[in-house]
Amino acid sequence: MSTSDEERRHREAVAALDAAVQRAGVRQLVQLERLAGDVLTQAAEVFGSRETAADWLMRPAMALDRQRPVDLLGTAAGKEQVELLLIRLQYGVYT
């Protein structure tokens, strides 16, 4: 197999991987839109995009005792905690 064939196969494999990640990201975003609703919109305003906001919602946050914001959205108190944190982040108030 020639080097150009290897390079082509590698590029195709990377393109397929990128497409798979994109598809998974779209599904995640759709699911988060259902779960988070207004909180996702608020987070998108803070972080600049819905994708970045979705990523933030899925990662543990130090300010939430290392809980994922998405896990707290099931209760009114948890949702309020996440919304308050987003307001604090938006205005640069971390304490």
C-alpha atoms as a PDB file:
ATOM      1  CA  MET A   1       0.000   0.000   0.000  1.00  0.00           C
ATOM      2  CA  SER A   2       1.409   3.391  -0.949  1.00  0.00           C
ATOM      3  CA  THR A   3       1.769   6.356   1.382  1.00  0.00           C
ATOM      4  CA  SER A   4      -0.962   8.264  -0.462  1.00  0.00           C
ATOM      5  CA  ASP A   5      -3.388   5.345   0.062  1.00  0.00           C
ATOM      6  CA  GLU A   6      -2.557   5.339   3.787  1.00  0.00           C
ATOM      7  CA  GLU A   7      -3.052   9.089   3.992  1.00  0.00           C
ATOM      8  CA  ARG A   8      -6.374   8.874   2.152  1.00  0.00           C
ATOM      9  CA  ARG A   9      -7.614   6.094   4.441  1.00  0.00           C
ATOM     10  CA  HIS A  10      -6.524   8.053   7.472  1.00  0.00           C
ATOM     11  CA  ARG A  11      -8.355  11.179   6.249  1.00  0.00           C
ATOM     12  CA  GLU A  12     -11.477   9.094   5.604  1.00  0.00           C
ATOM     13  CA  ALA A  13     -11.266   7.526   9.064  1.00  0.00           C
ATOM     14  CA  VAL A  14     -10.879  10.953  10.683  1.00  0.00           C
ATOM     15  CA  ALA A  15     -13.812  12.311   8.669  1.00  0.00           C
ATOM     16  CA  ALA A  16     -15.963   9.350   9.747  1.00  0.00           C
ATOM     17  CA  LEU A  17     -14.961   9.925  13.367  1.00  0.00           C
ATOM     18  CA  ASP A  18     -15.774  13.637  13.129  1.00  0.00           C
ATOM     19  CA  ALA A  19     -19.186  12.817  11.655  1.00  0.00           C
ATOM     20  CA  ALA A  20     -19.909  10.341  14.463  1.00  0.00           C
ATOM     21  CA  VAL A  21     -18.960  12.919  17.096  1.00  0.00           C
ATOM     22  CA  GLN A  22     -21.147  15.526  15.403  1.00  0.00           C
ATOM     23  CA  ARG A  23     -24.133  13.172  15.318  1.00  0.00           C
ATOM     24  CA  ALA A  24     -23.686  12.302  18.978  1.00  0.00           C
ATOM     25  CA  GLY A  25     -23.356  15.983  19.878  1.00  0.00           C
ATOM     26  CA  VAL A  26     -26.583  16.844  18.091  1.00  0.00           C
ATOM     27  CA  ARG A  27     -28.436  14.069  19.934  1.00  0.00           C
ATOM     28  CA  GLN A  28     -26.990  15.246  23.247  1.00  0.00           C
ATOM     29  CA  LEU A  29     -28.049  18.817  22.532  1.00  0.00           C
ATOM     30  CA  VAL A  30     -31.595  17.741  21.617  1.00  0.00           C
ATOM     31  CA  GLN A  31     -31.872  15.704  24.817  1.00  0.00           C
ATOM     32  CA  LEU A  32     -30.501  18.570  26.903  1.00  0.00           C
ATOM     33  CA  GLU A  33     -32.964  20.975  25.300  1.00  0.00           C
ATOM     34  CA  ARG A  34     -35.763  18.729  26.552  1.00  0.00           C
ATOM     35  CA  LEU A  35     -34.257  18.374  30.034  1.00  0.00           C
ATOM     36  CA  ALA A  36     -32.849  21.827  30.631  1.00  0.00           C
ATOM     37  CA  GLY A  37     -35.080  24.118  28.577  1.00  0.00           C
ATOM     38  CA  ASP A  38     -34.663  27.681  29.827  1.00  0.00           C
ATOM     39  CA  VAL A  39     -31.506  26.793  31.767  1.00  0.00           C
ATOM     40  CA  LEU A  40     -29.795  25.717  28.538  1.00  0.00           C
ATOM     41  CA  THR A  41     -30.807  29.023  26.967  1.00  0.00           C
ATOM     42  CA  GLN A  42     -29.458  30.933  29.979  1.00  0.00           C
ATOM     43  CA  ALA A  43     -26.216  28.927  29.893  1.00  0.00           C
ATOM     44  CA  ALA A  44     -25.856  29.589  26.157  1.00  0.00           C
ATOM     45  CA  GLU A  45     -26.040  33.320  26.837  1.00  0.00           C
ATOM     46  CA  VAL A  46     -23.295  32.984  29.446  1.00  0.00           C
ATOM     47  CA  PHE A  47     -21.015  30.677  27.439  1.00  0.00           C
ATOM     48  CA  GLY A  48     -21.699  31.994  23.944  1.00  0.00           C
ATOM     49  CA  SER A  49     -23.195  28.908  22.291  1.00  0.00           C
ATOM     50  CA  ARG A  50     -25.661  26.119  22.953  1.00  0.00           C
ATOM     51  CA  GLU A  51     -22.942  23.521  22.350  1.00  0.00           C
ATOM     52  CA  THR A  52     -20.605  25.031  24.956  1.00  0.00           C
ATOM     53  CA  ALA A  53     -23.524  25.399  27.348  1.00  0.00           C
ATOM     54  CA  ALA A  54     -24.463  21.742  26.821  1.00  0.00           C
ATOM     55  CA  ASP A  55     -20.893  20.713  27.544  1.00  0.00           C
ATOM     56  CA  TRP A  56     -20.902  22.788  30.750  1.00  0.00           C
ATOM     57  CA  LEU A  57     -24.192  21.254  31.874  1.00  0.00           C
ATOM     58  CA  MET A  58     -22.710  17.756  31.529  1.00  0.00           C
ATOM     59  CA  ARG A  59     -19.506  18.358  33.530  1.00  0.00           C
ATOM     60  CA  PRO A  60     -19.090  18.480  37.314  1.00  0.00           C
ATOM     61  CA  ALA A  61     -18.896  22.050  38.612  1.00  0.00           C
ATOM     62  CA  MET A  62     -16.793  22.966  41.641  1.00  0.00           C
ATOM     63  CA  ALA A  63     -19.331  25.612  42.628  1.00  0.00           C
ATOM     64  CA  LEU A  64     -21.999  22.890  42.772  1.00  0.00           C
ATOM     65  CA  ASP A  65     -20.006  20.572  45.052  1.00  0.00           C
ATOM     66  CA  ARG A  66     -18.678  18.727  41.994  1.00  0.00           C
ATOM     67  CA  GLN A  67     -22.173  17.799  40.845  1.00  0.00           C
ATOM     68  CA  ARG A  68     -23.158  18.079  37.214  1.00  0.00           C
ATOM     69  CA  PRO A  69     -25.593  20.940  36.622  1.00  0.00           C
ATOM     70  CA  VAL A  70     -27.838  18.664  34.546  1.00  0.00           C
ATOM     71  CA  ASP A  71     -28.230  16.328  37.543  1.00  0.00           C
ATOM     72  CA  LEU A  72     -29.562  19.160  39.696  1.00  0.00           C
ATOM     73  CA  LEU A  73     -32.297  20.221  37.287  1.00  0.00           C
ATOM     74  CA  GLY A  74     -34.707  17.556  38.566  1.00  0.00           C
ATOM     75  CA  THR A  75     -35.702  19.628  41.611  1.00  0.00           C
ATOM     76  CA  ALA A  76     -36.774  23.235  41.994  1.00  0.00           C
ATOM     77  CA  ALA A  77     -33.978  23.844  44.526  1.00  0.00           C
ATOM     78  CA  GLY A  78     -31.364  22.303  42.241  1.00  0.00           C
ATOM     79  CA  LYS A  79     -32.571  24.274  39.248  1.00  0.00           C
ATOM     80  CA  GLU A  80     -32.389  27.442  41.324  1.00  0.00           C
ATOM     81  CA  GLN A  81     -28.787  26.605  42.317  1.00  0.00           C
ATOM     82  CA  VAL A  82     -27.794  26.179  38.661  1.00  0.00           C
ATOM     83  CA  GLU A  83     -29.565  29.379  37.596  1.00  0.00           C
ATOM     84  CA  LEU A  84     -27.898  31.323  40.423  1.00  0.00           C
ATOM     85  CA  LEU A  85     -24.482  29.971  39.434  1.00  0.00           C
ATOM     86  CA  LEU A  86     -25.073  31.024  35.832  1.00  0.00           C
ATOM     87  CA  ILE A  87     -25.967  34.545  36.981  1.00  0.00           C
ATOM     88  CA  ARG A  88     -22.820  34.661  39.094  1.00  0.00           C
ATOM     89  CA  LEU A  89     -20.708  33.463  36.162  1.00  0.00           C
ATOM     90  CA  GLN A  90     -22.294  35.993  33.853  1.00  0.00           C
ATOM     91  CA  TYR A  91     -21.385  38.858  36.169  1.00  0.00           C
ATOM     92  CA  GLY A  92     -18.002  37.489  37.269  1.00  0.00           C
ATOM     93  CA  VAL A  93     -19.051  36.824  40.878  1.00  0.00           C
ATOM     94  CA  TYR A  94     -17.445  33.486  41.772  1.00  0.00           C
ATOM     95  CA  THR A  95     -17.846  33.528  45.561  1.00  0.00           C
END
